């Protein structure tokens, strides 16, 4: 019986993701933990790459309600801002609203309507400020 060999096909071209060192990933997770405060547990993992990571996997767990959020994507120039935006949205959504009805009342808002606050954008820019940007050469 003779086996047929299939021709190898190249993967389609796509944007290259920046490899982010573990030290920056740790700093990003520390900033998330400081911003979210008690009651939230952020876990940021990286994958791919040799000396760092090309992709991130984030889970934010809200201890009191048991709810969690997962986010993943490529490390690029906007990923830190996107991560902080999602953290801000989750914190705002699950934080008790100050009211006369007690601490069990929460604000109702569409999670996609909440922008990333400027202080968190500054932290994101500081963490990813020296990142390289890749682009394909024009033909």
N, C-alpha and C. Protein backbone atom coordinates (compact mmCIF):
# COMPACT_ATOMS: atom_id res chain seq x y z
N UNK A 1 0.84 -1.18 0.00
CA UNK A 1 0.00 0.00 0.00
C UNK A 1 0.88 1.24 0.00
N UNK A 2 0.62 2.11 -0.91
CA UNK A 2 1.43 3.30 -1.07
C UNK A 2 0.69 4.52 -0.50
N UNK A 3 1.36 5.28 0.34
CA UNK A 3 0.76 6.47 0.93
C UNK A 3 0.96 7.66 0.02
N UNK A 4 -0.06 8.44 -0.12
CA UNK A 4 0.04 9.67 -0.91
C UNK A 4 0.40 10.82 0.01
N UNK A 5 1.28 11.65 -0.46
CA UNK A 5 1.66 12.82 0.33
C UNK A 5 0.88 14.03 -0.15
N UNK A 6 0.36 14.74 0.79
CA UNK A 6 -0.36 15.97 0.45
C UNK A 6 0.63 17.12 0.39
N UNK A 7 0.38 18.01 -0.52
CA UNK A 7 1.23 19.19 -0.64
C UNK A 7 1.01 20.09 0.57
N UNK A 8 2.09 20.59 1.11
CA UNK A 8 1.99 21.50 2.25
C UNK A 8 1.58 22.88 1.76
N UNK A 9 0.64 23.45 2.43
CA UNK A 9 0.17 24.79 2.07
C UNK A 9 0.60 25.77 3.15
N UNK A 10 1.02 26.91 2.72
CA UNK A 10 1.42 27.95 3.67
C UNK A 10 0.17 28.52 4.33
N UNK A 11 0.32 28.91 5.56
CA UNK A 11 -0.79 29.56 6.27
C UNK A 11 -1.04 30.92 5.65
N UNK A 12 -2.28 31.37 5.67
CA UNK A 12 -2.56 32.70 5.12
C UNK A 12 -1.85 33.78 5.95
N UNK A 13 -1.42 34.81 5.28
CA UNK A 13 -0.72 35.90 5.97
C UNK A 13 -1.69 36.65 6.88
N UNK A 14 -1.23 36.98 8.06
CA UNK A 14 -2.01 37.79 8.97
C UNK A 14 -1.06 38.69 9.74
N UNK A 15 -1.60 39.64 10.46
CA UNK A 15 -0.77 40.57 11.20
C UNK A 15 0.07 39.83 12.24
N UNK A 16 1.27 40.29 12.43
CA UNK A 16 2.17 39.69 13.41
C UNK A 16 1.88 40.27 14.78
N UNK A 17 1.92 39.42 15.78
CA UNK A 17 1.69 39.87 17.15
C UNK A 17 3.04 40.11 17.82
N UNK A 18 3.12 41.11 18.62
CA UNK A 18 4.35 41.43 19.34
C UNK A 18 4.56 40.43 20.46
N UNK A 19 5.80 40.00 20.65
CA UNK A 19 6.13 39.12 21.76
C UNK A 19 6.40 40.01 22.97
N UNK A 20 5.63 39.82 24.02
CA UNK A 20 5.70 40.67 25.20
C UNK A 20 6.44 39.92 26.31
N UNK A 21 7.47 40.54 26.90
CA UNK A 21 8.22 39.88 27.97
C UNK A 21 7.34 39.59 29.19
N UNK A 22 7.75 38.57 29.94
CA UNK A 22 7.00 38.16 31.12
C UNK A 22 6.95 39.29 32.16
N UNK A 23 8.00 40.09 32.26
CA UNK A 23 8.02 41.19 33.23
C UNK A 23 6.89 42.19 32.96
N UNK A 24 6.61 42.48 31.70
CA UNK A 24 5.52 43.41 31.37
C UNK A 24 4.17 42.75 31.66
N UNK A 25 4.05 41.46 31.41
CA UNK A 25 2.81 40.76 31.73
C UNK A 25 2.55 40.79 33.23
N UNK A 26 3.61 40.58 34.03
CA UNK A 26 3.47 40.65 35.49
C UNK A 26 3.06 42.05 35.94
N UNK A 27 3.67 43.07 35.34
CA UNK A 27 3.33 44.45 35.69
C UNK A 27 1.88 44.75 35.34
N UNK A 28 1.43 44.26 34.20
CA UNK A 28 0.04 44.47 33.78
C UNK A 28 -0.92 43.79 34.75
N UNK A 29 -0.60 42.57 35.16
CA UNK A 29 -1.46 41.87 36.11
C UNK A 29 -1.46 42.58 37.46
N UNK A 30 -0.31 43.08 37.91
CA UNK A 30 -0.25 43.83 39.18
C UNK A 30 -1.09 45.10 39.12
N UNK A 31 -1.04 45.82 37.99
CA UNK A 31 -1.86 47.03 37.83
C UNK A 31 -3.35 46.68 37.83
N UNK A 32 -3.70 45.58 37.19
CA UNK A 32 -5.11 45.13 37.20
C UNK A 32 -5.57 44.82 38.61
N UNK A 33 -4.74 44.09 39.34
CA UNK A 33 -5.08 43.72 40.72
C UNK A 33 -5.24 44.97 41.58
N UNK A 34 -4.35 45.95 41.41
CA UNK A 34 -4.44 47.19 42.19
C UNK A 34 -5.70 47.97 41.83
N UNK A 35 -6.04 48.03 40.55
CA UNK A 35 -7.23 48.78 40.13
C UNK A 35 -8.52 48.11 40.60
N UNK A 36 -8.62 46.80 40.40
CA UNK A 36 -9.86 46.10 40.74
C UNK A 36 -10.08 46.02 42.24
N UNK A 37 -9.02 45.86 43.02
CA UNK A 37 -9.13 45.83 44.47
C UNK A 37 -9.65 44.50 44.99
N UNK A 38 -10.06 44.54 46.27
CA UNK A 38 -10.55 43.32 46.91
C UNK A 38 -11.85 42.87 46.28
N UNK A 39 -12.03 41.57 46.24
CA UNK A 39 -13.26 41.02 45.70
C UNK A 39 -13.15 40.58 44.25
N UNK A 40 -12.06 40.95 43.59
CA UNK A 40 -11.81 40.54 42.21
C UNK A 40 -10.48 39.81 42.14
N UNK A 41 -10.43 38.76 41.36
CA UNK A 41 -9.19 38.02 41.15
C UNK A 41 -8.87 37.99 39.67
N UNK A 42 -7.89 38.80 39.22
CA UNK A 42 -7.50 38.76 37.81
C UNK A 42 -6.37 37.75 37.60
N UNK A 43 -6.46 36.98 36.53
CA UNK A 43 -5.41 36.04 36.16
C UNK A 43 -5.07 36.30 34.69
N UNK A 44 -3.83 36.69 34.44
CA UNK A 44 -3.37 36.98 33.08
C UNK A 44 -2.32 35.96 32.71
N UNK A 45 -2.58 35.20 31.67
CA UNK A 45 -1.64 34.19 31.18
C UNK A 45 -1.23 34.55 29.77
N UNK A 46 -0.04 34.12 29.39
CA UNK A 46 0.45 34.35 28.04
C UNK A 46 0.78 33.02 27.38
N UNK A 47 0.76 33.01 26.05
CA UNK A 47 1.12 31.80 25.32
C UNK A 47 1.83 32.18 24.03
N UNK A 48 2.56 31.23 23.49
CA UNK A 48 3.31 31.46 22.25
C UNK A 48 4.57 32.25 22.53
N UNK A 49 5.48 32.24 21.60
CA UNK A 49 6.71 33.00 21.75
C UNK A 49 7.79 32.21 22.47
N UNK A 50 9.00 32.74 22.43
CA UNK A 50 10.13 32.09 23.09
C UNK A 50 10.45 32.73 24.43
N UNK A 51 10.70 34.03 24.43
CA UNK A 51 11.10 34.73 25.65
C UNK A 51 9.96 35.53 26.25
N UNK A 52 8.80 35.43 25.68
CA UNK A 52 7.63 36.16 26.15
C UNK A 52 6.39 35.49 25.61
N UNK A 53 5.37 36.26 25.36
CA UNK A 53 4.11 35.71 24.87
C UNK A 53 3.61 36.53 23.69
N UNK A 54 2.94 35.87 22.79
CA UNK A 54 2.31 36.54 21.65
C UNK A 54 0.81 36.71 21.87
N UNK A 55 0.21 35.85 22.67
CA UNK A 55 -1.23 35.92 22.93
C UNK A 55 -1.46 36.01 24.44
N UNK A 56 -2.57 36.66 24.80
CA UNK A 56 -2.92 36.74 26.22
C UNK A 56 -4.25 36.05 26.46
N UNK A 57 -4.41 35.58 27.67
CA UNK A 57 -5.64 34.94 28.13
C UNK A 57 -5.92 35.53 29.51
N UNK A 58 -7.02 36.23 29.65
CA UNK A 58 -7.35 36.93 30.88
C UNK A 58 -8.65 36.38 31.45
N UNK A 59 -8.66 36.16 32.76
CA UNK A 59 -9.90 35.82 33.45
C UNK A 59 -9.97 36.71 34.68
N UNK A 60 -11.12 37.37 34.84
CA UNK A 60 -11.38 38.18 36.03
C UNK A 60 -12.55 37.54 36.75
N UNK A 61 -12.32 37.15 37.99
CA UNK A 61 -13.33 36.47 38.79
C UNK A 61 -13.83 37.41 39.88
N UNK A 62 -15.15 37.53 40.02
CA UNK A 62 -15.76 38.33 41.09
C UNK A 62 -16.12 37.37 42.21
N UNK A 63 -15.43 37.52 43.34
CA UNK A 63 -15.55 36.54 44.42
C UNK A 63 -16.96 36.46 45.01
N UNK A 64 -17.59 37.60 45.23
CA UNK A 64 -18.89 37.63 45.92
C UNK A 64 -20.00 37.00 45.09
N UNK A 65 -20.05 37.30 43.80
CA UNK A 65 -21.14 36.80 42.96
C UNK A 65 -20.79 35.49 42.25
N UNK A 66 -19.49 35.18 42.17
CA UNK A 66 -19.07 33.99 41.45
C UNK A 66 -19.02 34.18 39.94
N UNK A 67 -19.34 35.38 39.47
CA UNK A 67 -19.30 35.64 38.03
C UNK A 67 -17.87 35.86 37.59
N UNK A 68 -17.60 35.51 36.34
CA UNK A 68 -16.26 35.75 35.81
C UNK A 68 -16.36 36.14 34.35
N UNK A 69 -15.29 36.73 33.88
CA UNK A 69 -15.20 37.18 32.51
C UNK A 69 -13.90 36.66 31.93
N UNK A 70 -13.94 36.19 30.70
CA UNK A 70 -12.73 35.73 30.03
C UNK A 70 -12.52 36.54 28.77
N UNK A 71 -11.27 36.85 28.50
CA UNK A 71 -10.90 37.62 27.32
C UNK A 71 -9.58 37.07 26.81
N UNK A 72 -9.44 36.99 25.50
CA UNK A 72 -8.16 36.54 24.95
C UNK A 72 -7.93 37.24 23.62
N UNK A 73 -6.67 37.33 23.24
CA UNK A 73 -6.33 37.98 21.98
C UNK A 73 -4.83 38.07 21.81
N UNK A 74 -4.41 38.77 20.77
CA UNK A 74 -2.98 38.97 20.49
C UNK A 74 -2.46 40.15 21.29
N UNK A 75 -1.20 40.02 21.75
CA UNK A 75 -0.54 41.17 22.34
C UNK A 75 -0.22 42.14 21.21
N UNK A 76 -0.73 43.34 21.30
CA UNK A 76 -0.43 44.38 20.31
C UNK A 76 -0.44 45.72 21.04
N UNK A 77 -0.38 46.80 20.29
CA UNK A 77 -0.26 48.12 20.91
C UNK A 77 -1.51 48.53 21.69
N UNK A 78 -2.66 47.92 21.42
CA UNK A 78 -3.90 48.30 22.10
C UNK A 78 -4.36 47.29 23.14
N UNK A 79 -3.66 46.18 23.30
CA UNK A 79 -4.18 45.13 24.17
C UNK A 79 -4.28 45.57 25.63
N UNK A 80 -3.30 46.33 26.14
CA UNK A 80 -3.35 46.75 27.54
C UNK A 80 -4.55 47.66 27.78
N UNK A 81 -4.81 48.57 26.85
CA UNK A 81 -5.98 49.45 26.98
C UNK A 81 -7.28 48.64 26.91
N UNK A 82 -7.33 47.66 26.02
CA UNK A 82 -8.52 46.81 25.93
C UNK A 82 -8.75 46.02 27.22
N UNK A 83 -7.66 45.52 27.80
CA UNK A 83 -7.77 44.76 29.05
C UNK A 83 -8.28 45.66 30.17
N UNK A 84 -7.73 46.87 30.28
CA UNK A 84 -8.19 47.80 31.33
C UNK A 84 -9.63 48.23 31.09
N UNK A 85 -10.03 48.38 29.84
CA UNK A 85 -11.40 48.77 29.54
C UNK A 85 -12.37 47.69 30.02
N UNK A 86 -12.06 46.44 29.74
CA UNK A 86 -12.92 45.33 30.18
C UNK A 86 -12.93 45.24 31.71
N UNK A 87 -11.78 45.44 32.35
CA UNK A 87 -11.72 45.41 33.81
C UNK A 87 -12.58 46.52 34.41
N UNK A 88 -12.51 47.71 33.83
CA UNK A 88 -13.33 48.84 34.30
C UNK A 88 -14.82 48.54 34.12
N UNK A 89 -15.18 47.98 32.98
CA UNK A 89 -16.58 47.66 32.72
C UNK A 89 -17.09 46.64 33.73
N UNK A 90 -16.29 45.61 34.00
CA UNK A 90 -16.73 44.58 34.94
C UNK A 90 -16.84 45.15 36.36
N UNK A 91 -15.86 45.95 36.76
CA UNK A 91 -15.89 46.53 38.10
C UNK A 91 -17.10 47.45 38.26
N UNK A 92 -17.38 48.26 37.25
CA UNK A 92 -18.52 49.17 37.31
C UNK A 92 -19.84 48.41 37.34
N UNK A 93 -19.91 47.36 36.56
CA UNK A 93 -21.14 46.58 36.48
C UNK A 93 -21.44 45.85 37.79
N UNK A 94 -20.40 45.35 38.47
CA UNK A 94 -20.61 44.55 39.67
C UNK A 94 -20.47 45.32 40.97
N UNK A 95 -20.06 46.59 40.90
CA UNK A 95 -19.93 47.39 42.11
C UNK A 95 -21.30 47.78 42.63
N UNK A 96 -21.52 47.72 43.95
CA UNK A 96 -22.81 48.16 44.49
C UNK A 96 -22.99 49.66 44.30
N UNK A 97 -24.20 50.05 43.98
CA UNK A 97 -24.51 51.47 43.80
C UNK A 97 -24.84 52.08 45.16
N UNK A 98 -24.30 53.26 45.46
CA UNK A 98 -24.67 53.91 46.72
C UNK A 98 -26.11 54.40 46.64
N UNK A 99 -26.95 53.87 47.51
CA UNK A 99 -28.35 54.28 47.49
C UNK A 99 -28.97 54.08 48.86
N UNK A 100 -30.16 54.57 48.99
CA UNK A 100 -30.89 54.43 50.25
C UNK A 100 -31.45 53.02 50.41
N UNK A 101 -31.42 52.22 49.33
CA UNK A 101 -31.98 50.88 49.40
C UNK A 101 -31.01 49.85 49.96
N UNK A 102 -29.76 50.23 50.15
CA UNK A 102 -28.79 49.30 50.71
C UNK A 102 -27.72 48.92 49.70
N UNK A 103 -26.85 48.02 50.12
CA UNK A 103 -25.68 47.66 49.31
C UNK A 103 -25.99 46.59 48.27
N UNK A 104 -27.20 46.06 48.24
CA UNK A 104 -27.52 45.00 47.28
C UNK A 104 -28.00 45.52 45.94
N UNK A 105 -28.02 46.83 45.77
CA UNK A 105 -28.47 47.42 44.51
C UNK A 105 -27.26 47.68 43.63
N UNK A 106 -27.36 47.32 42.35
CA UNK A 106 -26.26 47.56 41.41
C UNK A 106 -26.72 48.47 40.29
N UNK A 107 -25.77 49.21 39.72
CA UNK A 107 -26.08 50.04 38.57
C UNK A 107 -26.41 49.16 37.37
N UNK A 108 -27.36 49.59 36.56
CA UNK A 108 -27.68 48.86 35.34
C UNK A 108 -27.12 49.67 34.18
N UNK A 109 -26.22 49.06 33.44
CA UNK A 109 -25.61 49.72 32.28
C UNK A 109 -25.22 48.65 31.29
N UNK A 110 -25.28 49.01 30.03
CA UNK A 110 -24.76 48.07 29.03
C UNK A 110 -23.25 48.09 29.12
N UNK A 111 -22.67 46.93 29.22
CA UNK A 111 -21.23 46.84 29.45
C UNK A 111 -20.43 47.45 28.31
N UNK A 112 -20.94 47.43 27.10
CA UNK A 112 -20.19 47.97 25.97
C UNK A 112 -20.23 49.49 25.91
N UNK A 113 -21.09 50.12 26.70
CA UNK A 113 -21.21 51.58 26.68
C UNK A 113 -20.19 52.27 27.57
N UNK A 114 -19.47 51.53 28.38
CA UNK A 114 -18.55 52.13 29.33
C UNK A 114 -17.15 52.23 28.71
N UNK A 115 -16.63 53.45 28.51
CA UNK A 115 -15.29 53.59 27.92
C UNK A 115 -14.20 53.35 28.96
N UNK A 116 -12.99 53.18 28.48
CA UNK A 116 -11.83 53.04 29.37
C UNK A 116 -11.49 54.42 29.94
N UNK A 117 -11.44 54.58 31.27
CA UNK A 117 -11.13 55.89 31.85
C UNK A 117 -9.70 56.32 31.51
N UNK A 118 -9.48 57.62 31.49
CA UNK A 118 -8.18 58.17 31.11
C UNK A 118 -7.03 57.72 32.02
N UNK A 119 -7.22 57.62 33.35
CA UNK A 119 -6.10 57.14 34.18
C UNK A 119 -5.65 55.72 33.79
N UNK A 120 -6.60 54.87 33.43
CA UNK A 120 -6.24 53.52 33.01
C UNK A 120 -5.58 53.53 31.63
N UNK A 121 -5.99 54.44 30.76
CA UNK A 121 -5.33 54.57 29.45
C UNK A 121 -3.87 54.96 29.63
N UNK A 122 -3.60 55.86 30.58
CA UNK A 122 -2.21 56.28 30.83
C UNK A 122 -1.36 55.11 31.31
N UNK A 123 -1.92 54.28 32.19
CA UNK A 123 -1.20 53.10 32.65
C UNK A 123 -0.93 52.17 31.49
N UNK A 124 -1.93 51.97 30.64
CA UNK A 124 -1.77 51.08 29.48
C UNK A 124 -0.69 51.61 28.54
N UNK A 125 -0.68 52.92 28.31
CA UNK A 125 0.35 53.51 27.43
C UNK A 125 1.74 53.36 28.03
N UNK A 126 1.82 53.50 29.35
CA UNK A 126 3.12 53.36 30.01
C UNK A 126 3.64 51.93 29.91
N UNK A 127 2.73 50.95 30.01
CA UNK A 127 3.15 49.55 29.94
C UNK A 127 3.53 49.13 28.53
N UNK A 128 2.89 49.70 27.52
CA UNK A 128 3.15 49.28 26.14
C UNK A 128 3.83 50.36 25.33
N UNK A 129 4.40 51.35 25.98
CA UNK A 129 4.99 52.48 25.27
C UNK A 129 6.17 52.14 24.39
N UNK A 130 6.97 51.12 24.77
CA UNK A 130 8.15 50.81 23.98
C UNK A 130 7.93 49.59 23.08
N UNK A 131 6.69 49.24 22.82
CA UNK A 131 6.39 48.09 21.96
C UNK A 131 6.69 48.43 20.51
N UNK A 132 7.19 47.45 19.80
CA UNK A 132 7.44 47.63 18.37
C UNK A 132 6.15 47.39 17.62
N UNK A 133 6.03 47.99 16.46
CA UNK A 133 4.87 47.79 15.60
C UNK A 133 5.34 47.14 14.31
N UNK A 134 4.67 46.09 13.89
CA UNK A 134 5.00 45.39 12.65
C UNK A 134 4.00 45.79 11.57
N UNK A 135 4.47 45.92 10.37
CA UNK A 135 3.57 46.10 9.25
C UNK A 135 4.22 45.49 8.02
N UNK A 136 3.40 45.06 7.10
CA UNK A 136 3.90 44.45 5.89
C UNK A 136 4.40 45.51 4.93
N UNK A 137 5.45 45.18 4.17
CA UNK A 137 6.01 46.12 3.20
C UNK A 137 5.03 46.28 2.04
N UNK A 138 4.95 47.51 1.52
CA UNK A 138 4.09 47.77 0.37
C UNK A 138 4.74 47.19 -0.88
N UNK A 139 3.92 46.61 -1.74
CA UNK A 139 4.44 46.03 -2.98
C UNK A 139 4.57 47.07 -4.06
